[in-house]
N, C-alpha and C. Protein backbone atom coordinates (compact mmCIF):
# COMPACT_ATOMS: atom_id res chain seq x y z
N MET A 1 99.40 -111.55 -27.83
CA MET A 1 97.95 -111.73 -27.78
C MET A 1 97.61 -113.12 -27.23
N ILE A 2 96.78 -113.15 -26.21
CA ILE A 2 96.36 -114.43 -25.66
C ILE A 2 95.10 -114.92 -26.37
N LEU A 3 94.77 -116.22 -26.17
CA LEU A 3 93.65 -116.82 -26.88
C LEU A 3 92.33 -116.11 -26.58
N GLU A 4 92.12 -115.69 -25.34
CA GLU A 4 90.87 -115.01 -24.98
C GLU A 4 90.72 -113.70 -25.72
N GLU A 5 91.81 -112.96 -25.87
CA GLU A 5 91.75 -111.70 -26.61
C GLU A 5 91.45 -111.95 -28.08
N LEU A 6 92.04 -113.00 -28.66
CA LEU A 6 91.75 -113.35 -30.05
C LEU A 6 90.28 -113.72 -30.21
N ARG A 7 89.73 -114.43 -29.24
CA ARG A 7 88.31 -114.81 -29.28
C ARG A 7 87.42 -113.56 -29.27
N VAL A 8 87.72 -112.61 -28.40
CA VAL A 8 86.93 -111.38 -28.32
C VAL A 8 87.00 -110.62 -29.63
N ILE A 9 88.19 -110.43 -30.17
CA ILE A 9 88.38 -109.68 -31.42
C ILE A 9 87.61 -110.34 -32.56
N THR A 10 87.72 -111.66 -32.65
CA THR A 10 87.04 -112.40 -33.73
C THR A 10 85.53 -112.26 -33.63
N ILE A 11 84.98 -112.46 -32.43
CA ILE A 11 83.54 -112.38 -32.24
C ILE A 11 83.03 -110.98 -32.54
N VAL A 12 83.74 -109.96 -32.10
CA VAL A 12 83.31 -108.58 -32.32
C VAL A 12 83.22 -108.27 -33.82
N TYR A 13 84.28 -108.60 -34.57
CA TYR A 13 84.28 -108.27 -35.99
C TYR A 13 83.30 -109.15 -36.79
N VAL A 14 83.23 -110.43 -36.47
CA VAL A 14 82.32 -111.31 -37.20
C VAL A 14 80.86 -110.93 -36.94
N SER A 15 80.52 -110.66 -35.68
CA SER A 15 79.13 -110.32 -35.35
C SER A 15 78.73 -108.97 -35.93
N ALA A 16 79.70 -108.08 -36.16
CA ALA A 16 79.40 -106.78 -36.77
C ALA A 16 79.25 -106.88 -38.28
N LEU A 17 80.09 -107.70 -38.93
CA LEU A 17 80.15 -107.71 -40.39
C LEU A 17 79.33 -108.82 -41.04
N ALA A 18 79.21 -109.98 -40.39
CA ALA A 18 78.53 -111.12 -41.00
C ALA A 18 77.08 -110.81 -41.41
N PRO A 19 76.28 -110.12 -40.57
CA PRO A 19 74.90 -109.84 -40.99
C PRO A 19 74.81 -109.03 -42.29
N LEU A 20 75.75 -108.10 -42.49
CA LEU A 20 75.74 -107.31 -43.72
C LEU A 20 76.06 -108.18 -44.92
N ILE A 21 77.02 -109.08 -44.76
CA ILE A 21 77.37 -110.00 -45.85
C ILE A 21 76.18 -110.89 -46.19
N ILE A 22 75.52 -111.42 -45.16
CA ILE A 22 74.34 -112.28 -45.38
C ILE A 22 73.24 -111.50 -46.08
N TYR A 23 73.03 -110.25 -45.64
CA TYR A 23 71.97 -109.44 -46.25
C TYR A 23 72.21 -109.24 -47.74
N PHE A 24 73.42 -108.82 -48.11
CA PHE A 24 73.69 -108.54 -49.52
C PHE A 24 73.70 -109.81 -50.36
N TYR A 25 73.97 -110.93 -49.73
CA TYR A 25 73.94 -112.21 -50.45
C TYR A 25 72.52 -112.71 -50.67
N LYS A 26 71.62 -112.39 -49.72
CA LYS A 26 70.25 -112.93 -49.79
C LYS A 26 69.18 -111.85 -49.79
N LYS A 27 69.52 -110.64 -50.20
CA LYS A 27 68.58 -109.54 -50.05
C LYS A 27 67.29 -109.72 -50.85
N ASP A 28 67.32 -110.51 -51.93
CA ASP A 28 66.11 -110.75 -52.70
C ASP A 28 65.08 -111.57 -51.95
N ARG A 29 65.51 -112.26 -50.90
CA ARG A 29 64.61 -113.11 -50.13
C ARG A 29 64.28 -112.51 -48.76
N ILE A 30 64.73 -111.28 -48.53
CA ILE A 30 64.56 -110.64 -47.22
C ILE A 30 63.53 -109.52 -47.34
N PRO A 31 62.64 -109.38 -46.35
CA PRO A 31 61.61 -108.32 -46.41
C PRO A 31 62.21 -106.94 -46.62
N THR A 32 61.47 -106.09 -47.32
CA THR A 32 61.98 -104.77 -47.66
C THR A 32 62.15 -103.85 -46.46
N TRP A 33 61.50 -104.20 -45.33
CA TRP A 33 61.62 -103.35 -44.15
C TRP A 33 62.90 -103.62 -43.36
N VAL A 34 63.62 -104.68 -43.69
CA VAL A 34 64.81 -105.05 -42.91
C VAL A 34 65.89 -103.97 -42.88
N PRO A 35 66.26 -103.33 -44.01
CA PRO A 35 67.29 -102.28 -43.93
C PRO A 35 66.90 -101.13 -43.00
N SER A 36 65.63 -100.75 -43.01
CA SER A 36 65.19 -99.67 -42.12
C SER A 36 65.30 -100.07 -40.66
N ILE A 37 64.95 -101.32 -40.36
CA ILE A 37 65.07 -101.80 -38.99
C ILE A 37 66.53 -101.88 -38.58
N TYR A 38 67.39 -102.31 -39.50
CA TYR A 38 68.83 -102.36 -39.20
C TYR A 38 69.36 -100.96 -38.87
N LEU A 39 69.07 -100.00 -39.73
CA LEU A 39 69.57 -98.64 -39.51
C LEU A 39 68.98 -98.03 -38.24
N GLY A 40 67.67 -98.24 -38.03
CA GLY A 40 67.04 -97.72 -36.82
C GLY A 40 67.62 -98.34 -35.57
N SER A 41 67.84 -99.65 -35.59
CA SER A 41 68.42 -100.34 -34.44
C SER A 41 69.84 -99.86 -34.18
N PHE A 42 70.59 -99.66 -35.26
CA PHE A 42 71.96 -99.15 -35.12
C PHE A 42 71.96 -97.81 -34.39
N LEU A 43 71.10 -96.91 -34.82
CA LEU A 43 71.06 -95.57 -34.21
C LEU A 43 70.59 -95.62 -32.76
N VAL A 44 69.55 -96.41 -32.50
CA VAL A 44 69.03 -96.50 -31.13
C VAL A 44 70.06 -97.12 -30.19
N CYS A 45 70.73 -98.16 -30.63
CA CYS A 45 71.74 -98.80 -29.79
C CYS A 45 72.94 -97.89 -29.57
N ALA A 46 73.36 -97.20 -30.63
CA ALA A 46 74.50 -96.28 -30.49
C ALA A 46 74.19 -95.14 -29.53
N LEU A 47 73.03 -94.50 -29.75
CA LEU A 47 72.66 -93.36 -28.91
C LEU A 47 72.10 -93.78 -27.56
N GLY A 48 71.55 -94.99 -27.51
CA GLY A 48 70.94 -95.46 -26.27
C GLY A 48 71.93 -95.91 -25.22
N TRP A 49 73.06 -96.50 -25.66
CA TRP A 49 74.05 -96.94 -24.68
C TRP A 49 75.46 -97.14 -25.21
N GLU A 50 75.66 -97.56 -26.46
CA GLU A 50 77.00 -97.92 -26.88
C GLU A 50 77.99 -96.74 -26.83
N LEU A 51 77.58 -95.57 -27.29
CA LEU A 51 78.46 -94.40 -27.22
C LEU A 51 78.78 -94.06 -25.77
N TRP A 52 77.78 -94.11 -24.90
CA TRP A 52 77.96 -93.77 -23.50
C TRP A 52 78.90 -94.76 -22.81
N PHE A 53 78.68 -96.06 -23.05
CA PHE A 53 79.52 -97.07 -22.43
C PHE A 53 80.96 -97.00 -22.96
N THR A 54 81.11 -96.64 -24.23
CA THR A 54 82.45 -96.57 -24.82
C THR A 54 83.25 -95.41 -24.26
N TYR A 55 82.64 -94.23 -24.19
CA TYR A 55 83.39 -93.03 -23.81
C TYR A 55 83.26 -92.67 -22.33
N GLY A 56 82.36 -93.35 -21.60
CA GLY A 56 82.22 -93.08 -20.17
C GLY A 56 81.79 -91.66 -19.87
N TRP A 57 80.82 -91.16 -20.62
CA TRP A 57 80.47 -89.75 -20.56
C TRP A 57 79.96 -89.28 -19.20
N ILE A 58 79.17 -90.10 -18.50
CA ILE A 58 78.60 -89.67 -17.21
C ILE A 58 78.92 -90.73 -16.15
N ASP A 59 79.81 -90.38 -15.23
CA ASP A 59 80.15 -91.24 -14.09
C ASP A 59 80.72 -92.60 -14.50
N GLY A 60 81.40 -92.65 -15.64
CA GLY A 60 81.97 -93.91 -16.08
C GLY A 60 83.40 -93.74 -16.58
N ASP A 61 84.08 -94.87 -16.75
CA ASP A 61 85.42 -94.86 -17.35
C ASP A 61 85.30 -95.23 -18.82
N PRO A 62 86.10 -94.62 -19.69
CA PRO A 62 86.10 -95.02 -21.09
C PRO A 62 86.59 -96.46 -21.23
N VAL A 63 86.20 -97.09 -22.32
CA VAL A 63 86.48 -98.51 -22.49
C VAL A 63 87.98 -98.80 -22.54
N ASN A 64 88.78 -97.88 -23.02
CA ASN A 64 90.21 -98.14 -23.12
C ASN A 64 90.88 -98.23 -21.75
N LEU A 65 90.20 -97.78 -20.69
CA LEU A 65 90.74 -97.94 -19.34
C LEU A 65 90.23 -99.21 -18.67
N ARG A 66 89.30 -99.91 -19.31
CA ARG A 66 88.67 -101.08 -18.71
C ARG A 66 89.08 -102.39 -19.38
N ARG A 67 90.03 -102.34 -20.31
CA ARG A 67 90.43 -103.56 -21.01
C ARG A 67 91.91 -103.52 -21.35
N SER A 68 92.41 -104.60 -21.92
CA SER A 68 93.84 -104.75 -22.19
C SER A 68 94.29 -103.88 -23.36
N GLU A 69 95.59 -103.65 -23.41
CA GLU A 69 96.16 -102.86 -24.51
C GLU A 69 96.00 -103.57 -25.86
N THR A 70 96.04 -104.89 -25.84
CA THR A 70 95.85 -105.63 -27.09
C THR A 70 94.47 -105.36 -27.68
N LEU A 71 93.44 -105.39 -26.82
CA LEU A 71 92.08 -105.11 -27.31
C LEU A 71 91.96 -103.66 -27.75
N ASN A 72 92.64 -102.76 -27.06
CA ASN A 72 92.62 -101.36 -27.47
C ASN A 72 93.26 -101.17 -28.84
N LEU A 73 94.27 -101.99 -29.14
CA LEU A 73 94.96 -101.90 -30.42
C LEU A 73 94.08 -102.42 -31.56
N TRP A 74 93.43 -103.56 -31.34
CA TRP A 74 92.66 -104.21 -32.40
C TRP A 74 91.22 -103.70 -32.50
N ILE A 75 90.70 -103.16 -31.40
CA ILE A 75 89.37 -102.56 -31.42
C ILE A 75 89.50 -101.15 -30.83
N PRO A 76 90.01 -100.20 -31.60
CA PRO A 76 90.25 -98.85 -31.07
C PRO A 76 88.97 -98.23 -30.49
N ILE A 77 89.13 -97.36 -29.54
CA ILE A 77 87.99 -96.79 -28.83
C ILE A 77 86.99 -96.15 -29.78
N HIS A 78 87.47 -95.50 -30.85
CA HIS A 78 86.55 -94.82 -31.76
C HIS A 78 85.85 -95.79 -32.72
N LEU A 79 86.30 -97.04 -32.77
CA LEU A 79 85.61 -98.08 -33.52
C LEU A 79 84.74 -98.95 -32.62
N ASN A 80 85.01 -98.90 -31.33
CA ASN A 80 84.34 -99.80 -30.39
C ASN A 80 82.82 -99.64 -30.44
N TRP A 81 82.35 -98.41 -30.30
CA TRP A 81 80.90 -98.17 -30.31
C TRP A 81 80.28 -98.52 -31.67
N LEU A 82 81.03 -98.26 -32.75
CA LEU A 82 80.54 -98.54 -34.10
C LEU A 82 80.36 -100.04 -34.32
N LEU A 83 81.39 -100.82 -33.99
CA LEU A 83 81.32 -102.27 -34.16
C LEU A 83 80.25 -102.88 -33.27
N ASN A 84 80.18 -102.42 -32.03
CA ASN A 84 79.17 -102.96 -31.12
C ASN A 84 77.76 -102.63 -31.59
N SER A 85 77.57 -101.41 -32.09
CA SER A 85 76.25 -101.02 -32.59
C SER A 85 75.87 -101.79 -33.85
N MET A 86 76.85 -102.07 -34.70
CA MET A 86 76.60 -102.89 -35.88
C MET A 86 76.19 -104.31 -35.48
N ALA A 87 76.88 -104.86 -34.48
CA ALA A 87 76.52 -106.19 -33.98
C ALA A 87 75.15 -106.17 -33.33
N ASP A 88 74.86 -105.12 -32.58
CA ASP A 88 73.54 -104.97 -31.96
C ASP A 88 72.43 -104.97 -33.01
N ALA A 89 72.65 -104.22 -34.08
CA ALA A 89 71.63 -104.07 -35.12
C ALA A 89 71.50 -105.32 -35.98
N GLY A 90 72.62 -105.97 -36.25
CA GLY A 90 72.62 -107.12 -37.13
C GLY A 90 72.43 -108.44 -36.42
N THR A 91 73.49 -108.91 -35.78
CA THR A 91 73.45 -110.23 -35.14
C THR A 91 72.37 -110.33 -34.08
N ILE A 92 72.22 -109.30 -33.26
CA ILE A 92 71.28 -109.40 -32.16
C ILE A 92 69.85 -109.04 -32.59
N SER A 93 69.66 -107.85 -33.16
CA SER A 93 68.31 -107.42 -33.52
C SER A 93 67.74 -108.24 -34.67
N LEU A 94 68.42 -108.24 -35.81
CA LEU A 94 67.92 -109.01 -36.95
C LEU A 94 67.98 -110.51 -36.69
N GLY A 95 69.03 -110.94 -35.99
CA GLY A 95 69.12 -112.35 -35.63
C GLY A 95 67.97 -112.77 -34.73
N GLY A 96 67.61 -111.90 -33.80
CA GLY A 96 66.48 -112.20 -32.91
C GLY A 96 65.16 -112.25 -33.66
N LEU A 97 65.00 -111.37 -34.64
CA LEU A 97 63.78 -111.38 -35.44
C LEU A 97 63.70 -112.65 -36.30
N TRP A 98 64.84 -113.09 -36.82
CA TRP A 98 64.86 -114.33 -37.58
C TRP A 98 64.48 -115.51 -36.70
N LEU A 99 64.99 -115.53 -35.47
CA LEU A 99 64.65 -116.61 -34.53
C LEU A 99 63.15 -116.59 -34.21
N MET A 100 62.59 -115.39 -34.04
CA MET A 100 61.15 -115.26 -33.82
C MET A 100 60.37 -115.94 -34.95
N TRP A 101 60.74 -115.58 -36.16
CA TRP A 101 60.07 -116.11 -37.35
C TRP A 101 60.27 -117.62 -37.47
N ARG A 102 61.51 -118.06 -37.26
CA ARG A 102 61.85 -119.48 -37.41
C ARG A 102 61.11 -120.35 -36.41
N TYR A 103 61.05 -119.89 -35.15
CA TYR A 103 60.43 -120.72 -34.11
C TYR A 103 58.96 -120.38 -33.88
N SER A 104 58.41 -119.57 -34.76
CA SER A 104 56.96 -119.35 -34.78
C SER A 104 56.36 -120.01 -36.01
N GLY A 105 57.03 -121.05 -36.50
CA GLY A 105 56.55 -121.78 -37.66
C GLY A 105 56.68 -121.01 -38.96
N LYS A 106 57.65 -120.09 -39.02
CA LYS A 106 57.87 -119.26 -40.22
C LYS A 106 56.60 -118.51 -40.60
N ASN A 107 55.91 -118.05 -39.56
CA ASN A 107 54.65 -117.32 -39.73
C ASN A 107 54.94 -115.82 -39.79
N SER A 108 54.86 -115.24 -40.96
CA SER A 108 55.16 -113.81 -41.11
C SER A 108 54.12 -112.90 -40.48
N GLN A 109 52.99 -113.46 -40.06
CA GLN A 109 51.95 -112.67 -39.42
C GLN A 109 52.43 -112.09 -38.09
N ILE A 110 53.45 -112.69 -37.49
CA ILE A 110 53.98 -112.17 -36.21
C ILE A 110 54.58 -110.78 -36.40
N PHE A 111 54.89 -110.40 -37.65
CA PHE A 111 55.43 -109.08 -37.92
C PHE A 111 54.34 -108.06 -38.25
N GLN A 112 53.09 -108.52 -38.26
CA GLN A 112 51.96 -107.64 -38.55
C GLN A 112 51.20 -107.23 -37.30
N GLU A 113 51.23 -108.06 -36.30
CA GLU A 113 50.55 -107.74 -35.03
C GLU A 113 51.29 -108.39 -33.88
N TRP A 114 51.17 -107.76 -32.72
CA TRP A 114 51.93 -108.21 -31.53
C TRP A 114 51.54 -109.63 -31.16
N ASN A 115 52.55 -110.46 -30.98
CA ASN A 115 52.37 -111.85 -30.59
C ASN A 115 53.27 -112.13 -29.40
N TRP A 116 52.66 -112.39 -28.24
CA TRP A 116 53.45 -112.54 -27.02
C TRP A 116 54.37 -113.74 -27.06
N SER A 117 53.94 -114.79 -27.70
CA SER A 117 54.78 -115.98 -27.82
C SER A 117 56.04 -115.66 -28.64
N ALA A 118 55.83 -114.96 -29.76
CA ALA A 118 56.96 -114.57 -30.60
C ALA A 118 57.87 -113.59 -29.86
N PHE A 119 57.25 -112.63 -29.17
CA PHE A 119 58.05 -111.66 -28.42
C PHE A 119 58.90 -112.34 -27.35
N SER A 120 58.37 -113.38 -26.72
CA SER A 120 59.13 -114.08 -25.68
C SER A 120 60.41 -114.69 -26.25
N ILE A 121 60.35 -115.14 -27.51
CA ILE A 121 61.55 -115.68 -28.17
C ILE A 121 62.59 -114.57 -28.34
N LEU A 122 62.12 -113.42 -28.82
CA LEU A 122 63.03 -112.28 -29.00
C LEU A 122 63.63 -111.85 -27.67
N LEU A 123 62.81 -111.76 -26.64
CA LEU A 123 63.29 -111.31 -25.33
C LEU A 123 64.31 -112.27 -24.75
N VAL A 124 64.03 -113.57 -24.83
CA VAL A 124 64.97 -114.57 -24.31
C VAL A 124 66.30 -114.49 -25.06
N TRP A 125 66.23 -114.33 -26.38
CA TRP A 125 67.44 -114.21 -27.18
C TRP A 125 68.25 -112.98 -26.75
N CYS A 126 67.59 -111.85 -26.61
CA CYS A 126 68.29 -110.62 -26.25
C CYS A 126 68.94 -110.70 -24.88
N ILE A 127 68.22 -111.27 -23.92
CA ILE A 127 68.76 -111.42 -22.57
C ILE A 127 69.90 -112.44 -22.56
N ALA A 128 69.70 -113.56 -23.26
CA ALA A 128 70.72 -114.62 -23.27
C ALA A 128 72.03 -114.14 -23.88
N GLN A 129 71.95 -113.42 -25.00
CA GLN A 129 73.19 -112.95 -25.62
C GLN A 129 73.87 -111.92 -24.73
N ASN A 130 73.07 -111.11 -24.03
CA ASN A 130 73.65 -110.10 -23.15
C ASN A 130 74.34 -110.74 -21.95
N LEU A 131 73.76 -111.82 -21.44
CA LEU A 131 74.42 -112.57 -20.36
C LEU A 131 75.73 -113.16 -20.86
N PHE A 132 75.71 -113.69 -22.07
CA PHE A 132 76.94 -114.23 -22.66
C PHE A 132 78.01 -113.14 -22.76
N VAL A 133 77.62 -111.98 -23.23
CA VAL A 133 78.56 -110.87 -23.37
C VAL A 133 79.18 -110.52 -22.03
N GLU A 134 78.33 -110.40 -21.00
CA GLU A 134 78.85 -109.95 -19.71
C GLU A 134 79.65 -111.02 -18.98
N LEU A 135 79.27 -112.27 -19.14
CA LEU A 135 79.94 -113.35 -18.41
C LEU A 135 81.17 -113.90 -19.14
N PHE A 136 81.14 -113.87 -20.48
CA PHE A 136 82.20 -114.56 -21.22
C PHE A 136 82.96 -113.70 -22.21
N LEU A 137 82.34 -112.69 -22.78
CA LEU A 137 83.01 -111.91 -23.82
C LEU A 137 83.68 -110.66 -23.24
N TYR A 138 82.89 -109.82 -22.58
CA TYR A 138 83.42 -108.56 -22.05
C TYR A 138 83.48 -108.57 -20.52
N HIS A 139 83.67 -109.75 -19.94
CA HIS A 139 83.59 -109.83 -18.48
C HIS A 139 84.62 -108.95 -17.78
N ASP A 140 85.78 -108.75 -18.42
CA ASP A 140 86.81 -107.91 -17.79
C ASP A 140 86.47 -106.42 -17.91
N GLN A 141 85.61 -106.06 -18.86
CA GLN A 141 85.25 -104.66 -19.07
C GLN A 141 84.00 -104.24 -18.29
N LEU A 142 83.15 -105.22 -17.97
CA LEU A 142 81.85 -104.90 -17.38
C LEU A 142 81.66 -105.45 -15.97
N SER A 143 82.70 -106.03 -15.40
CA SER A 143 82.56 -106.70 -14.11
C SER A 143 82.35 -105.70 -12.97
N GLU A 144 82.00 -106.25 -11.81
CA GLU A 144 81.79 -105.43 -10.62
C GLU A 144 83.04 -104.62 -10.32
N GLY A 145 82.85 -103.35 -10.05
CA GLY A 145 83.97 -102.47 -9.77
C GLY A 145 84.42 -101.64 -10.97
N LYS A 146 84.02 -102.06 -12.18
CA LYS A 146 84.31 -101.25 -13.38
C LYS A 146 83.21 -100.20 -13.53
N LEU A 147 83.61 -98.96 -13.74
CA LEU A 147 82.66 -97.85 -13.79
C LEU A 147 82.11 -97.69 -15.20
N ILE A 148 80.82 -98.00 -15.36
CA ILE A 148 80.14 -97.89 -16.64
C ILE A 148 79.28 -96.63 -16.62
N SER A 149 79.31 -95.87 -17.67
CA SER A 149 78.58 -94.61 -17.74
C SER A 149 77.07 -94.80 -17.64
N TRP A 150 76.42 -93.79 -17.08
CA TRP A 150 74.97 -93.68 -17.23
C TRP A 150 74.67 -93.59 -18.72
N ALA A 151 73.52 -94.11 -19.13
CA ALA A 151 73.09 -94.00 -20.53
C ALA A 151 71.57 -93.95 -20.55
N PRO A 152 70.98 -93.39 -21.61
CA PRO A 152 69.51 -93.32 -21.68
C PRO A 152 68.83 -94.67 -21.51
N PHE A 153 69.44 -95.75 -22.02
CA PHE A 153 68.84 -97.08 -21.89
C PHE A 153 69.41 -97.84 -20.69
N ALA A 154 70.20 -97.17 -19.87
CA ALA A 154 70.68 -97.72 -18.60
C ALA A 154 70.48 -96.62 -17.56
N PRO A 155 69.21 -96.24 -17.31
CA PRO A 155 68.92 -95.01 -16.57
C PRO A 155 69.26 -95.05 -15.08
N THR A 156 69.47 -96.23 -14.51
CA THR A 156 69.82 -96.27 -13.09
C THR A 156 71.28 -95.92 -12.85
N GLY A 157 72.10 -96.06 -13.89
CA GLY A 157 73.52 -95.72 -13.78
C GLY A 157 74.20 -96.42 -12.62
N GLN A 158 75.18 -95.74 -12.06
CA GLN A 158 75.90 -96.27 -10.90
C GLN A 158 75.10 -96.09 -9.61
N PHE A 159 74.08 -95.22 -9.68
CA PHE A 159 73.31 -94.90 -8.47
C PHE A 159 72.62 -96.14 -7.91
N PHE A 160 72.04 -96.96 -8.80
CA PHE A 160 71.41 -98.21 -8.38
C PHE A 160 71.83 -99.30 -9.35
N ASN A 161 72.82 -100.08 -8.95
CA ASN A 161 73.40 -101.06 -9.87
C ASN A 161 73.76 -102.34 -9.10
N PRO A 162 72.76 -103.05 -8.59
CA PRO A 162 73.06 -104.26 -7.83
C PRO A 162 73.56 -105.39 -8.72
N MET A 163 74.29 -106.31 -8.10
CA MET A 163 74.70 -107.50 -8.81
C MET A 163 73.50 -108.44 -8.90
N LEU A 164 73.26 -108.96 -10.10
CA LEU A 164 72.14 -109.87 -10.31
C LEU A 164 72.57 -111.33 -10.22
N ILE A 165 73.72 -111.64 -10.78
CA ILE A 165 74.21 -113.01 -10.84
C ILE A 165 75.72 -112.99 -10.66
N GLU A 166 76.24 -113.99 -9.99
CA GLU A 166 77.68 -114.20 -9.96
C GLU A 166 77.96 -115.64 -10.38
N PHE A 167 78.83 -115.79 -11.37
CA PHE A 167 79.13 -117.12 -11.91
C PHE A 167 80.62 -117.23 -12.17
N ASN A 168 81.26 -118.20 -11.54
CA ASN A 168 82.68 -118.45 -11.76
C ASN A 168 83.51 -117.18 -11.55
N GLN A 169 83.18 -116.45 -10.48
CA GLN A 169 83.84 -115.20 -10.10
C GLN A 169 83.65 -114.09 -11.13
N ARG A 170 82.59 -114.22 -11.91
CA ARG A 170 82.23 -113.16 -12.86
C ARG A 170 80.82 -112.69 -12.54
N SER A 171 80.60 -111.40 -12.68
CA SER A 171 79.35 -110.82 -12.20
C SER A 171 78.50 -110.28 -13.34
N VAL A 172 77.19 -110.28 -13.09
CA VAL A 172 76.22 -109.66 -14.00
C VAL A 172 75.54 -108.55 -13.21
N MET A 173 75.63 -107.32 -13.73
CA MET A 173 75.09 -106.17 -13.03
C MET A 173 73.81 -105.68 -13.71
N LEU A 174 72.94 -105.04 -12.92
CA LEU A 174 71.68 -104.53 -13.45
C LEU A 174 71.90 -103.53 -14.58
N GLN A 175 72.84 -102.62 -14.40
CA GLN A 175 73.04 -101.52 -15.34
C GLN A 175 73.27 -102.01 -16.77
N THR A 176 74.03 -103.08 -16.91
CA THR A 176 74.36 -103.55 -18.25
C THR A 176 73.32 -104.50 -18.83
N GLN A 177 72.33 -104.90 -18.03
CA GLN A 177 71.25 -105.74 -18.54
C GLN A 177 70.04 -104.91 -18.98
N LEU A 178 69.94 -103.69 -18.47
CA LEU A 178 68.78 -102.86 -18.78
C LEU A 178 68.62 -102.52 -20.27
N PRO A 179 69.72 -102.22 -21.00
CA PRO A 179 69.51 -101.79 -22.39
C PRO A 179 68.67 -102.75 -23.23
N TRP A 180 68.93 -104.05 -23.15
CA TRP A 180 68.17 -104.97 -23.99
C TRP A 180 66.79 -105.28 -23.44
N LEU A 181 66.59 -105.09 -22.15
CA LEU A 181 65.23 -105.20 -21.61
C LEU A 181 64.35 -104.07 -22.15
N ILE A 182 64.96 -102.90 -22.32
CA ILE A 182 64.24 -101.75 -22.86
C ILE A 182 64.13 -101.84 -24.38
N MET A 183 65.19 -102.29 -25.01
CA MET A 183 65.25 -102.31 -26.47
C MET A 183 64.33 -103.35 -27.08
N SER A 184 64.17 -104.50 -26.46
CA SER A 184 63.42 -105.61 -27.07
C SER A 184 61.99 -105.22 -27.47
N PRO A 185 61.16 -104.67 -26.57
CA PRO A 185 59.81 -104.29 -27.00
C PRO A 185 59.80 -103.15 -28.01
N ILE A 186 60.74 -102.23 -27.91
CA ILE A 186 60.83 -101.14 -28.88
C ILE A 186 61.11 -101.69 -30.27
N LEU A 187 62.05 -102.64 -30.33
CA LEU A 187 62.40 -103.27 -31.59
C LEU A 187 61.20 -103.97 -32.22
N TYR A 188 60.50 -104.76 -31.42
CA TYR A 188 59.37 -105.51 -31.96
C TYR A 188 58.26 -104.58 -32.45
N LYS A 189 57.97 -103.53 -31.67
CA LYS A 189 56.94 -102.58 -32.08
C LYS A 189 57.34 -101.86 -33.37
N ALA A 190 58.61 -101.51 -33.49
CA ALA A 190 59.08 -100.84 -34.70
C ALA A 190 58.94 -101.74 -35.92
N VAL A 191 59.22 -103.02 -35.74
CA VAL A 191 59.09 -103.97 -36.84
C VAL A 191 57.63 -104.06 -37.29
N ILE A 192 56.71 -104.13 -36.35
CA ILE A 192 55.29 -104.21 -36.70
C ILE A 192 54.87 -102.97 -37.50
N ILE A 193 55.30 -101.80 -37.06
CA ILE A 193 54.96 -100.56 -37.76
C ILE A 193 55.51 -100.57 -39.18
N MET A 194 56.78 -100.94 -39.32
CA MET A 194 57.42 -100.95 -40.64
C MET A 194 56.82 -102.03 -41.55
N ALA A 195 56.57 -103.20 -40.99
CA ALA A 195 56.02 -104.29 -41.79
C ALA A 195 54.62 -103.95 -42.30
N ARG A 196 53.83 -103.28 -41.46
CA ARG A 196 52.48 -102.88 -41.88
C ARG A 196 52.56 -101.84 -42.99
N LYS A 197 53.50 -100.90 -42.87
CA LYS A 197 53.64 -99.86 -43.90
C LYS A 197 54.02 -100.46 -45.23
N THR A 198 54.96 -101.37 -45.23
CA THR A 198 55.42 -101.95 -46.49
C THR A 198 54.37 -102.88 -47.11
N SER A 199 53.51 -103.45 -46.27
CA SER A 199 52.46 -104.33 -46.81
C SER A 199 51.35 -103.53 -47.47
N ILE A 200 51.22 -102.26 -47.06
CA ILE A 200 50.18 -101.39 -47.63
C ILE A 200 50.62 -100.85 -48.99
N ILE A 201 51.93 -100.59 -49.11
CA ILE A 201 52.45 -99.98 -50.36
C ILE A 201 52.24 -100.92 -51.54
């Protein structure tokens, strides 16, 4: 196992499991709508792209053909979509919502009605983490020339998938950036709906 593979394995497991540990440790201080948003985000991310990207269902290669044997051993294909979806729901979705709240002056009103300033924080976070994933974490799995499946949240598929950025001989493609561009407003709207419901009860 090389250092880069150890880094990938560590980040994948920590980002999937740490949010759950934090939640159970501090659940008395966390809004009651958070578990619903976590579960909803998990399902949307899994069905929206993670399952498709993992198994290569439409015009793509499965993840075990796009990465090293060491990663296949430590992150088996049937766990890959699960761990990624857990990280999507926890570290990215809930983490992004916490950043919204933190950098909006800890104003919980942003969860009651749409706030463009708050949403911009969430959107920047979602795009930034996705760029990190493609350029530094999964660059060998998602780079130009690797066949990624069509997915509901990556609707252009291989048919229209231009390179957006190239950095240090690593590429960022449109197809793998679309899911979080689509997911971000859906997530924020879902939070507003859930937060309003729980405030009425």
